[in-house]
Amino acid sequence: MQQIKKIGERFWYQTPVSETDRPILGMVVGEKQTLMIDAGNSEAHANYFLEELKKREVQEPKLLALTHWHWDHIFGLSTLDVVSISSKETKREMEKLVHLGWSDRDLDERVREGTEIEFCATAIKKEFVDHREITIALPDITFEGNMEIDLGGVTCQLHQVGGDHAADSTVIYIKEEKILFLGDCFYPDIFSPKTNYTVNTTLTLLDKLETFDAEWFILSHGSAISKEEFMKEVAMLRTMASLTDECNGNHEYMTEKYINRVERELTEDEKELIQEFVNGMEIEKEMK
C-alpha cells in the first residue's frame, strides 16, 4: 500500500511499490511554484500521487525534474501538464526509447537480445495490465552540470552526479529543507550481465554526495533515511571499494579481510555487496 508522507514544511513524497517497480515520487511546494520530482512508471502512478496530494490541498505542480532516464521514472510524464526538466544526457537516452514497442512480444524480444532485462520487462507487464499504450514524452528544458530553481521560499538545486546505476543520474537538493533526493544514483548497475559496483565510479559519486549539507536522503526504491543512516551506507561502500582495490577484486581475500575487520560473520547484505564489487572489477578487467 502506497503512503503519502511529509518531511519538513515543503516536501511531500509517495512511498514505492516493489512489485511493479514504482519509485518514490516527490513534491516540493514553494510560495510561487511547485516542483514534482520524477514522473512515475505510468500515468496511473503519476495521477495517483497528484490525486492524493490534492486531497491534502497541495497545489498542483507546474514544473517537474527527472532524476534519470529509466522507464520507471519517466513513463508517467505524458499525462502531466508540467514544464519538464532534465539533463541533456537524460534527454538523449530518452530519445532512444521513443520508437520502441512495449507489447509482451516486444519486451520478450529485447530480453532475448540483451537490450532489456527480465526484471524491468516483468515489472512493465505487471504495471500495464489493461493497456500498453505508452508514450515517451521528452523533457522541455535541459541543462548541463547544475541548475537552480527558486520556487519561492525554497530552492531546488539539480546536480548531475552519475554513478554505476545510471551515468546520467541527477540529484535534487532542497536547500532550505536540507533534503537530498538521490533518485537511483546510490544503487548498483543492474543492467549488466552481473549486478555490479565499480571502485572509481563509486568513490567519485560518494565524494560528490558528501558535499551536500543534508539531514534527509531519499532513496527512490527505499525510503527517506537520516544523515546518520546515510553515512553508515557511505562508510560501507567506501570500505568495500577500498577492499576491492587492495585485493584486486579477489572474492576470498576480500571476505577474509572484512571478517577480520568486523570480527563476526557477514550479513547477507555484506556478502551481496562484496560480490557486486567483485563483479565490477571483473567487468573492468574484461574491458581492458
C-alpha atoms as a PDB file:
ATOM      1  CA  MET A   1       0.000   0.000   0.000  1.00  0.00           C
ATOM      2  CA  GLN A   2       1.458   3.321  -1.076  1.00  0.00           C
ATOM      3  CA  GLN A   3       1.545   6.090   1.501  1.00  0.00           C
ATOM      4  CA  ILE A   4       1.921   9.854   1.302  1.00  0.00           C
ATOM      5  CA  LYS A   5       4.447  11.258   3.747  1.00  0.00           C
ATOM      6  CA  LYS A   6       5.839  14.689   4.555  1.00  0.00           C
ATOM      7  CA  ILE A   7       9.255  15.890   5.705  1.00  0.00           C
ATOM      8  CA  GLY A   8       9.665  19.429   6.942  1.00  0.00           C
ATOM      9  CA  GLU A   9       7.396  22.196   5.726  1.00  0.00           C
ATOM     10  CA  ARG A  10       7.667  21.886   1.965  1.00  0.00           C
ATOM     11  CA  PHE A  11       8.419  18.311   0.874  1.00  0.00           C
ATOM     12  CA  TRP A  12       5.916  15.533   0.260  1.00  0.00           C
ATOM     13  CA  TYR A  13       6.622  12.080  -1.126  1.00  0.00           C
ATOM     14  CA  GLN A  14       4.911   8.865  -2.096  1.00  0.00           C
ATOM     15  CA  THR A  15       6.343   5.541  -0.938  1.00  0.00           C
ATOM     16  CA  PRO A  16       7.490   2.973  -3.536  1.00  0.00           C
ATOM     17  CA  VAL A  17       5.969  -0.328  -4.716  1.00  0.00           C
ATOM     18  CA  SER A  18       8.471  -3.089  -5.398  1.00  0.00           C
ATOM     19  CA  GLU A  19       6.241  -5.498  -7.363  1.00  0.00           C
ATOM     20  CA  THR A  20       5.637  -3.088 -10.245  1.00  0.00           C
ATOM     21  CA  ASP A  21       8.830  -1.095  -9.596  1.00  0.00           C
ATOM     22  CA  ARG A  22       7.091   2.169  -8.710  1.00  0.00           C
ATOM     23  CA  PRO A  23       9.746   4.513  -7.284  1.00  0.00           C
ATOM     24  CA  ILE A  24       9.273   7.300  -4.785  1.00  0.00           C
ATOM     25  CA  LEU A  25       7.782  10.464  -6.265  1.00  0.00           C
ATOM     26  CA  GLY A  26       8.494  13.812  -4.608  1.00  0.00           C
ATOM     27  CA  MET A  27       6.839  17.217  -4.460  1.00  0.00           C
ATOM     28  CA  VAL A  28       8.481  20.447  -3.351  1.00  0.00           C
ATOM     29  CA  VAL A  29       5.963  23.183  -2.532  1.00  0.00           C
ATOM     30  CA  GLY A  30       7.147  26.772  -2.826  1.00  0.00           C
ATOM     31  CA  GLU A  31       5.306  30.036  -2.327  1.00  0.00           C
ATOM     32  CA  LYS A  32       5.292  30.704  -6.080  1.00  0.00           C
ATOM     33  CA  GLN A  33       5.625  27.307  -7.733  1.00  0.00           C
ATOM     34  CA  THR A  34       5.520  23.587  -7.039  1.00  0.00           C
ATOM     35  CA  LEU A  35       8.092  21.143  -8.420  1.00  0.00           C
ATOM     36  CA  MET A  36       7.427  17.424  -8.852  1.00  0.00           C
ATOM     37  CA  ILE A  37      10.410  15.051  -8.757  1.00  0.00           C
ATOM     38  CA  ASP A  38      10.206  12.193 -11.271  1.00  0.00           C
ATOM     39  CA  ALA A  39       7.146  11.314 -13.318  1.00  0.00           C
ATOM     40  CA  GLY A  40       6.462   7.762 -12.194  1.00  0.00           C
ATOM     41  CA  ASN A  41       6.366   4.473 -14.059  1.00  0.00           C
ATOM     42  CA  SER A  42       2.902   5.011 -15.576  1.00  0.00           C
ATOM     43  CA  GLU A  43       0.120   7.528 -15.959  1.00  0.00           C
ATOM     44  CA  ALA A  44      -1.717   5.712 -13.168  1.00  0.00           C
ATOM     45  CA  HIS A  45       1.260   6.098 -10.850  1.00  0.00           C
ATOM     46  CA  ALA A  46       1.636   9.828 -11.540  1.00  0.00           C
ATOM     47  CA  ASN A  47      -2.111  10.519 -11.319  1.00  0.00           C
ATOM     48  CA  TYR A  48      -2.476   8.639  -8.037  1.00  0.00           C
ATOM     49  CA  PHE A  49       0.225  10.822  -6.485  1.00  0.00           C
ATOM     50  CA  LEU A  50      -1.425  14.030  -7.703  1.00  0.00           C
ATOM     51  CA  GLU A  51      -4.874  12.909  -6.538  1.00  0.00           C
ATOM     52  CA  GLU A  52      -3.619  12.071  -3.057  1.00  0.00           C
ATOM     53  CA  LEU A  53      -1.849  15.425  -2.738  1.00  0.00           C
ATOM     54  CA  LYS A  54      -4.941  17.246  -3.974  1.00  0.00           C
ATOM     55  CA  LYS A  55      -6.865  15.705  -1.057  1.00  0.00           C
ATOM     56  CA  ARG A  56      -4.257  17.314   1.208  1.00  0.00           C
ATOM     57  CA  GLU A  57      -4.729  20.672  -0.555  1.00  0.00           C
ATOM     58  CA  VAL A  58      -1.234  20.677  -2.055  1.00  0.00           C
ATOM     59  CA  GLN A  59      -1.110  22.826  -5.159  1.00  0.00           C
ATOM     60  CA  GLU A  60      -0.517  21.065  -8.471  1.00  0.00           C
ATOM     61  CA  PRO A  61       2.987  21.189  -9.920  1.00  0.00           C
ATOM     62  CA  LYS A  62       3.913  23.404 -12.847  1.00  0.00           C
ATOM     63  CA  LEU A  63       7.484  22.085 -13.012  1.00  0.00           C
ATOM     64  CA  LEU A  64       8.949  18.585 -12.957  1.00  0.00           C
ATOM     65  CA  ALA A  65      12.557  17.389 -12.647  1.00  0.00           C
ATOM     66  CA  LEU A  66      13.726  13.953 -13.798  1.00  0.00           C
ATOM     67  CA  THR A  67      16.492  12.147 -11.942  1.00  0.00           C
ATOM     68  CA  HIS A  68      17.440   9.858 -14.871  1.00  0.00           C
ATOM     69  CA  TRP A  69      16.076   8.127 -17.975  1.00  0.00           C
ATOM     70  CA  HIS A  70      14.955   4.700 -16.707  1.00  0.00           C
ATOM     71  CA  TRP A  71      11.375   3.724 -17.582  1.00  0.00           C
ATOM     72  CA  ASP A  72      10.031   3.668 -14.038  1.00  0.00           C
ATOM     73  CA  HIS A  73      10.900   7.347 -13.581  1.00  0.00           C
ATOM     74  CA  ILE A  74       9.602   8.712 -16.906  1.00  0.00           C
ATOM     75  CA  PHE A  75       6.603   6.757 -18.256  1.00  0.00           C
ATOM     76  CA  GLY A  76       4.126   8.937 -16.366  1.00  0.00           C
ATOM     77  CA  LEU A  77       5.372  12.179 -17.929  1.00  0.00           C
ATOM     78  CA  SER A  78       2.981  12.079 -20.900  1.00  0.00           C
ATOM     79  CA  THR A  79      -0.055  12.583 -18.633  1.00  0.00           C
ATOM     80  CA  LEU A  80       1.321  15.596 -16.745  1.00  0.00           C
ATOM     81  CA  ASP A  81       0.651  19.246 -17.572  1.00  0.00           C
ATOM     82  CA  VAL A  82       4.059  20.494 -16.477  1.00  0.00           C
ATOM     83  CA  VAL A  83       7.254  22.014 -17.804  1.00  0.00           C
ATOM     84  CA  SER A  84       9.700  19.135 -17.533  1.00  0.00           C
ATOM     85  CA  ILE A  85      13.421  19.447 -16.868  1.00  0.00           C
ATOM     86  CA  SER A  86      16.299  17.002 -17.220  1.00  0.00           C
ATOM     87  CA  SER A  87      19.984  16.897 -18.012  1.00  0.00           C
ATOM     88  CA  LYS A  88      20.889  16.823 -21.699  1.00  0.00           C
ATOM     89  CA  GLU A  89      22.221  13.313 -21.197  1.00  0.00           C
ATOM     90  CA  THR A  90      18.893  12.133 -19.782  1.00  0.00           C
ATOM     91  CA  LYS A  91      17.013  13.542 -22.765  1.00  0.00           C
ATOM     92  CA  ARG A  92      19.406  11.839 -25.193  1.00  0.00           C
ATOM     93  CA  GLU A  93      18.772   8.490 -23.522  1.00  0.00           C
ATOM     94  CA  MET A  94      15.002   9.041 -23.511  1.00  0.00           C
ATOM     95  CA  GLU A  95      15.051   9.792 -27.233  1.00  0.00           C
ATOM     96  CA  LYS A  96      16.255   6.227 -27.820  1.00  0.00           C
ATOM     97  CA  LEU A  97      13.004   4.909 -26.305  1.00  0.00           C
ATOM     98  CA  VAL A  98      10.558   6.937 -28.399  1.00  0.00           C
ATOM     99  CA  HIS A  99      10.148   4.459 -31.256  1.00  0.00           C
ATOM    100  CA  LEU A 100      10.246   1.237 -29.216  1.00  0.00           C
ATOM    101  CA  GLY A 101       7.253  -1.071 -28.879  1.00  0.00           C
ATOM    102  CA  TRP A 102       6.093  -2.219 -25.439  1.00  0.00           C
ATOM    103  CA  SER A 103       3.961  -5.279 -26.126  1.00  0.00           C
ATOM    104  CA  ASP A 104       4.815  -8.553 -24.390  1.00  0.00           C
ATOM    105  CA  ARG A 105       6.330  -9.706 -27.656  1.00  0.00           C
ATOM    106  CA  ASP A 106       8.477  -6.567 -27.980  1.00  0.00           C
ATOM    107  CA  LEU A 107       9.680  -6.817 -24.386  1.00  0.00           C
ATOM    108  CA  ASP A 108      10.443 -10.529 -24.641  1.00  0.00           C
ATOM    109  CA  GLU A 109      12.408  -9.982 -27.842  1.00  0.00           C
ATOM    110  CA  ARG A 110      14.544  -7.266 -26.263  1.00  0.00           C
ATOM    111  CA  VAL A 111      15.196  -9.509 -23.255  1.00  0.00           C
ATOM    112  CA  ARG A 112      16.350 -12.281 -25.610  1.00  0.00           C
ATOM    113  CA  GLU A 113      18.671  -9.954 -27.499  1.00  0.00           C
ATOM    114  CA  GLY A 114      20.049  -8.478 -24.271  1.00  0.00           C
ATOM    115  CA  THR A 115      18.835  -4.890 -24.687  1.00  0.00           C
ATOM    116  CA  GLU A 116      16.319  -5.219 -21.837  1.00  0.00           C
ATOM    117  CA  ILE A 117      16.456  -7.113 -18.556  1.00  0.00           C
ATOM    118  CA  GLU A 118      13.862  -9.569 -17.302  1.00  0.00           C
ATOM    119  CA  PHE A 119      13.265  -7.574 -14.110  1.00  0.00           C
ATOM    120  CA  CYS A 120      12.129  -4.461 -15.997  1.00  0.00           C
ATOM    121  CA  ALA A 121      10.117  -6.406 -18.589  1.00  0.00           C
ATOM    122  CA  THR A 122       8.217  -8.237 -15.849  1.00  0.00           C
ATOM    123  CA  ALA A 123       7.515  -5.033 -13.910  1.00  0.00           C
ATOM    124  CA  ILE A 124       6.203  -3.275 -17.042  1.00  0.00           C
ATOM    125  CA  LYS A 125       3.838  -6.197 -17.721  1.00  0.00           C
ATOM    126  CA  LYS A 126       2.517  -6.014 -14.155  1.00  0.00           C
ATOM    127  CA  GLU A 127       2.107  -2.226 -14.176  1.00  0.00           C
ATOM    128  CA  PHE A 128       0.421  -2.136 -17.597  1.00  0.00           C
ATOM    129  CA  VAL A 129      -2.089  -4.981 -17.413  1.00  0.00           C
ATOM    130  CA  ASP A 130      -5.123  -3.448 -19.135  1.00  0.00           C
ATOM    131  CA  HIS A 131      -3.307  -1.497 -21.843  1.00  0.00           C
ATOM    132  CA  ARG A 132       0.192  -0.899 -23.127  1.00  0.00           C
ATOM    133  CA  GLU A 133      -0.273   2.494 -24.806  1.00  0.00           C
ATOM    134  CA  ILE A 134       2.998   4.040 -23.691  1.00  0.00           C
ATOM    135  CA  THR A 135       4.074   7.453 -24.957  1.00  0.00           C
ATOM    136  CA  ILE A 136       7.569   8.752 -24.270  1.00  0.00           C
ATOM    137  CA  ALA A 137       7.261  12.485 -23.595  1.00  0.00           C
ATOM    138  CA  LEU A 138      10.607  14.264 -23.839  1.00  0.00           C
ATOM    139  CA  PRO A 139      11.780  16.980 -21.410  1.00  0.00           C
ATOM    140  CA  ASP A 140      11.044  20.609 -22.298  1.00  0.00           C
ATOM    141  CA  ILE A 141      14.187  22.116 -20.736  1.00  0.00           C
ATOM    142  CA  THR A 142      17.658  20.600 -20.450  1.00  0.00           C
ATOM    143  CA  PHE A 143      20.778  21.585 -18.546  1.00  0.00           C
ATOM    144  CA  GLU A 144      24.381  20.502 -18.177  1.00  0.00           C
ATOM    145  CA  GLY A 145      26.125  20.177 -14.826  1.00  0.00           C
ATOM    146  CA  ASN A 146      23.943  22.126 -12.393  1.00  0.00           C
ATOM    147  CA  MET A 147      20.716  24.109 -12.356  1.00  0.00           C
ATOM    148  CA  GLU A 148      18.955  26.081  -9.620  1.00  0.00           C
ATOM    149  CA  ILE A 149      15.220  26.726  -9.368  1.00  0.00           C
ATOM    150  CA  ASP A 150      13.695  29.268  -6.955  1.00  0.00           C
ATOM    151  CA  LEU A 151      10.162  28.123  -6.094  1.00  0.00           C
ATOM    152  CA  GLY A 152       9.578  30.973  -3.658  1.00  0.00           C
ATOM    153  CA  GLY A 153      10.909  30.454  -0.165  1.00  0.00           C
ATOM    154  CA  VAL A 154      12.569  27.206  -1.150  1.00  0.00           C
ATOM    155  CA  THR A 155      15.353  26.449  -3.631  1.00  0.00           C
ATOM    156  CA  CYS A 156      15.877  23.261  -5.601  1.00  0.00           C
ATOM    157  CA  GLN A 157      19.352  22.602  -6.946  1.00  0.00           C
ATOM    158  CA  LEU A 158      19.755  19.992  -9.674  1.00  0.00           C
ATOM    159  CA  HIS A 159      23.210  18.399  -9.834  1.00  0.00           C
ATOM    160  CA  GLN A 160      24.449  15.770 -12.268  1.00  0.00           C
ATOM    161  CA  VAL A 161      26.355  13.165 -10.253  1.00  0.00           C
ATOM    162  CA  GLY A 162      26.449   9.992 -12.377  1.00  0.00           C
ATOM    163  CA  GLY A 163      27.002   6.598 -10.767  1.00  0.00           C
ATOM    164  CA  ASP A 164      27.050   2.949 -11.746  1.00  0.00           C
ATOM    165  CA  HIS A 165      23.265   2.598 -11.853  1.00  0.00           C
ATOM    166  CA  ALA A 166      22.774   5.342 -14.443  1.00  0.00           C
ATOM    167  CA  ALA A 167      25.513   7.549 -15.841  1.00  0.00           C
ATOM    168  CA  ASP A 168      23.031  10.417 -16.318  1.00  0.00           C
ATOM    169  CA  SER A 169      21.861  10.472 -12.676  1.00  0.00           C
ATOM    170  CA  THR A 170      20.808  13.836 -11.260  1.00  0.00           C
ATOM    171  CA  VAL A 171      20.146  14.535  -7.576  1.00  0.00           C
ATOM    172  CA  ILE A 172      17.830  17.283  -6.334  1.00  0.00           C
ATOM    173  CA  TYR A 173      18.954  19.199  -3.258  1.00  0.00           C
ATOM    174  CA  ILE A 174      16.132  21.014  -1.460  1.00  0.00           C
ATOM    175  CA  LYS A 175      18.337  23.588   0.178  1.00  0.00           C
ATOM    176  CA  GLU A 176      16.164  25.151   2.866  1.00  0.00           C
ATOM    177  CA  GLU A 177      14.753  21.788   3.945  1.00  0.00           C
ATOM    178  CA  LYS A 178      18.184  20.089   3.869  1.00  0.00           C
ATOM    179  CA  ILE A 179      16.796  17.169   1.858  1.00  0.00           C
ATOM    180  CA  LEU A 180      18.766  15.383  -0.872  1.00  0.00           C
ATOM    181  CA  PHE A 181      16.638  13.403  -3.331  1.00  0.00           C
ATOM    182  CA  LEU A 182      19.050  10.733  -4.563  1.00  0.00           C
ATOM    183  CA  GLY A 183      16.914   9.005  -7.170  1.00  0.00           C
ATOM    184  CA  ASP A 184      18.686   5.754  -8.067  1.00  0.00           C
ATOM    185  CA  CYS A 185      22.262   7.050  -8.091  1.00  0.00           C
ATOM    186  CA  PHE A 186      23.187   5.139  -4.921  1.00  0.00           C
ATOM    187  CA  TYR A 187      22.288   1.775  -6.437  1.00  0.00           C
ATOM    188  CA  PRO A 188      24.481  -0.647  -8.409  1.00  0.00           C
ATOM    189  CA  ASP A 189      24.406  -1.293 -12.144  1.00  0.00           C
ATOM    190  CA  ILE A 190      21.661  -3.919 -12.580  1.00  0.00           C
ATOM    191  CA  PHE A 191      21.713  -3.851 -16.377  1.00  0.00           C
ATOM    192  CA  SER A 192      24.997  -5.654 -16.981  1.00  0.00           C
ATOM    193  CA  PRO A 193      25.095  -9.481 -17.023  1.00  0.00           C
ATOM    194  CA  LYS A 194      26.172  -9.273 -13.373  1.00  0.00           C
ATOM    195  CA  THR A 195      24.959  -6.638 -10.904  1.00  0.00           C
ATOM    196  CA  ASN A 196      27.970  -4.517 -10.014  1.00  0.00           C
ATOM    197  CA  TYR A 197      29.629  -1.512  -8.418  1.00  0.00           C
ATOM    198  CA  THR A 198      32.931  -0.162  -9.754  1.00  0.00           C
ATOM    199  CA  VAL A 199      35.529   1.352  -7.449  1.00  0.00           C
ATOM    200  CA  ASN A 200      36.312   4.672  -9.135  1.00  0.00           C
ATOM    201  CA  THR A 201      32.723   5.481 -10.091  1.00  0.00           C
ATOM    202  CA  THR A 202      31.512   4.705  -6.565  1.00  0.00           C
ATOM    203  CA  LEU A 203      34.174   6.811  -4.851  1.00  0.00           C
ATOM    204  CA  THR A 204      33.627   9.724  -7.242  1.00  0.00           C
ATOM    205  CA  LEU A 205      29.885   9.612  -6.568  1.00  0.00           C
ATOM    206  CA  LEU A 206      30.347   9.489  -2.793  1.00  0.00           C
ATOM    207  CA  ASP A 207      32.715  12.458  -2.901  1.00  0.00           C
ATOM    208  CA  LYS A 208      30.007  14.475  -4.664  1.00  0.00           C
ATOM    209  CA  LEU A 209      27.160  13.399  -2.391  1.00  0.00           C
ATOM    210  CA  GLU A 210      29.054  14.191   0.798  1.00  0.00           C
ATOM    211  CA  THR A 211      29.351  17.861  -0.219  1.00  0.00           C
ATOM    212  CA  PHE A 212      25.642  18.456   0.425  1.00  0.00           C
ATOM    213  CA  ASP A 213      24.518  19.775   3.797  1.00  0.00           C
ATOM    214  CA  ALA A 214      21.551  17.428   4.061  1.00  0.00           C
ATOM    215  CA  GLU A 215      19.722  15.904   7.018  1.00  0.00           C
ATOM    216  CA  TRP A 216      17.450  13.615   4.995  1.00  0.00           C
ATOM    217  CA  PHE A 217      18.269  11.448   1.982  1.00  0.00           C
ATOM    218  CA  ILE A 218      15.598   9.994  -0.306  1.00  0.00           C
ATOM    219  CA  LEU A 219      16.336   6.632  -1.952  1.00  0.00           C
ATOM    220  CA  SER A 220      13.854   6.135  -4.783  1.00  0.00           C
ATOM    221  CA  HIS A 221      13.260   2.417  -4.233  1.00  0.00           C
ATOM    222  CA  GLY A 222      13.787   2.522  -0.492  1.00  0.00           C
ATOM    223  CA  SER A 223      12.825   5.234   1.958  1.00  0.00           C
ATOM    224  CA  ALA A 224      13.806   8.536   3.489  1.00  0.00           C
ATOM    225  CA  ILE A 225      16.850   7.938   5.679  1.00  0.00           C
ATOM    226  CA  SER A 226      18.581  10.161   8.207  1.00  0.00           C
ATOM    227  CA  LYS A 227      22.060  11.595   7.821  1.00  0.00           C
ATOM    228  CA  GLU A 228      23.348   9.054  10.338  1.00  0.00           C
ATOM    229  CA  GLU A 229      21.921   6.152   8.313  1.00  0.00           C
ATOM    230  CA  PHE A 230      23.245   7.638   5.078  1.00  0.00           C
ATOM    231  CA  MET A 231      26.757   7.999   6.459  1.00  0.00           C
ATOM    232  CA  LYS A 232      26.712   4.350   7.537  1.00  0.00           C
ATOM    233  CA  GLU A 233      25.877   3.385   3.954  1.00  0.00           C
ATOM    234  CA  VAL A 234      28.620   5.659   2.642  1.00  0.00           C
ATOM    235  CA  ALA A 235      31.166   4.130   5.037  1.00  0.00           C
ATOM    236  CA  MET A 236      30.190   0.631   3.927  1.00  0.00           C
ATOM    237  CA  LEU A 237      30.578   1.480   0.243  1.00  0.00           C
ATOM    238  CA  ARG A 238      33.936   3.161   0.867  1.00  0.00           C
ATOM    239  CA  THR A 239      35.150   0.139   2.822  1.00  0.00           C
ATOM    240  CA  MET A 240      34.128  -2.265   0.070  1.00  0.00           C
ATOM    241  CA  ALA A 241      35.679  -0.085  -2.620  1.00  0.00           C
ATOM    242  CA  SER A 242      38.941   0.059  -0.653  1.00  0.00           C
ATOM    243  CA  LEU A 243      38.979  -3.712  -0.131  1.00  0.00           C
ATOM    244  CA  THR A 244      38.277  -4.322  -3.810  1.00  0.00           C
ATOM    245  CA  ASP A 245      41.228  -2.178  -4.789  1.00  0.00           C
ATOM    246  CA  GLU A 246      43.503  -3.657  -2.127  1.00  0.00           C
ATOM    247  CA  CYS A 247      42.622  -7.274  -3.010  1.00  0.00           C
ATOM    248  CA  ASN A 248      42.398  -6.690  -6.774  1.00  0.00           C
ATOM    249  CA  GLY A 249      38.829  -7.952  -6.717  1.00  0.00           C
ATOM    250  CA  ASN A 250      39.675 -11.344  -5.207  1.00  0.00           C
ATOM    251  CA  HIS A 251      36.479 -12.531  -3.517  1.00  0.00           C
ATOM    252  CA  GLU A 252      38.187 -14.820  -0.999  1.00  0.00           C
ATOM    253  CA  TYR A 253      40.716 -12.211   0.147  1.00  0.00           C
ATOM    254  CA  MET A 254      38.065  -9.513   0.420  1.00  0.00           C
ATOM    255  CA  THR A 255      35.799 -11.722   2.514  1.00  0.00           C
ATOM    256  CA  GLU A 256      38.639 -12.761   4.807  1.00  0.00           C
ATOM    257  CA  LYS A 257      39.832  -9.202   5.365  1.00  0.00           C
ATOM    258  CA  TYR A 258      36.347  -7.916   6.011  1.00  0.00           C
ATOM    259  CA  ILE A 259      35.599 -10.663   8.549  1.00  0.00           C
ATOM    260  CA  ASN A 260      38.856  -9.841  10.342  1.00  0.00           C
ATOM    261  CA  ARG A 261      37.848  -6.181  10.405  1.00  0.00           C
ATOM    262  CA  VAL A 262      34.335  -6.634  11.806  1.00  0.00           C
ATOM    263  CA  GLU A 263      35.138  -9.749  13.895  1.00  0.00           C
ATOM    264  CA  ARG A 264      31.884 -11.549  13.098  1.00  0.00           C
ATOM    265  CA  GLU A 265      30.177 -13.451  10.317  1.00  0.00           C
ATOM    266  CA  LEU A 266      28.993 -11.447   7.338  1.00  0.00           C
ATOM    267  CA  THR A 267      25.386 -10.426   6.863  1.00  0.00           C
ATOM    268  CA  GLU A 268      23.634 -11.307   3.614  1.00  0.00           C
ATOM    269  CA  ASP A 269      23.795  -7.640   2.557  1.00  0.00           C
ATOM    270  CA  GLU A 270      27.560  -7.572   3.127  1.00  0.00           C
ATOM    271  CA  LYS A 271      28.039 -10.784   1.145  1.00  0.00           C
ATOM    272  CA  GLU A 272      25.995  -9.333  -1.704  1.00  0.00           C
ATOM    273  CA  LEU A 273      27.937  -6.071  -1.680  1.00  0.00           C
ATOM    274  CA  ILE A 274      31.293  -7.857  -1.817  1.00  0.00           C
ATOM    275  CA  GLN A 275      30.079  -9.881  -4.804  1.00  0.00           C
ATOM    276  CA  GLU A 276      28.860  -6.732  -6.575  1.00  0.00           C
ATOM    277  CA  PHE A 277      32.275  -5.071  -6.231  1.00  0.00           C
ATOM    278  CA  VAL A 278      33.979  -8.290  -7.375  1.00  0.00           C
ATOM    279  CA  ASN A 279      31.691  -8.303 -10.416  1.00  0.00           C
ATOM    280  CA  GLY A 280      32.594  -4.691 -11.174  1.00  0.00           C
ATOM    281  CA  MET A 281      36.314  -5.423 -11.042  1.00  0.00           C
ATOM    282  CA  GLU A 282      35.871  -8.444 -13.331  1.00  0.00           C
ATOM    283  CA  ILE A 283      33.917  -6.379 -15.863  1.00  0.00           C
ATOM    284  CA  GLU A 284      36.582  -3.668 -15.891  1.00  0.00           C
ATOM    285  CA  LYS A 285      39.343  -6.250 -16.407  1.00  0.00           C
ATOM    286  CA  GLU A 286      37.448  -7.789 -19.324  1.00  0.00           C
ATOM    287  CA  MET A 287      37.102  -4.376 -20.961  1.00  0.00           C
ATOM    288  CA  LYS A 288      40.868  -3.690 -20.891  1.00  0.00           C
END
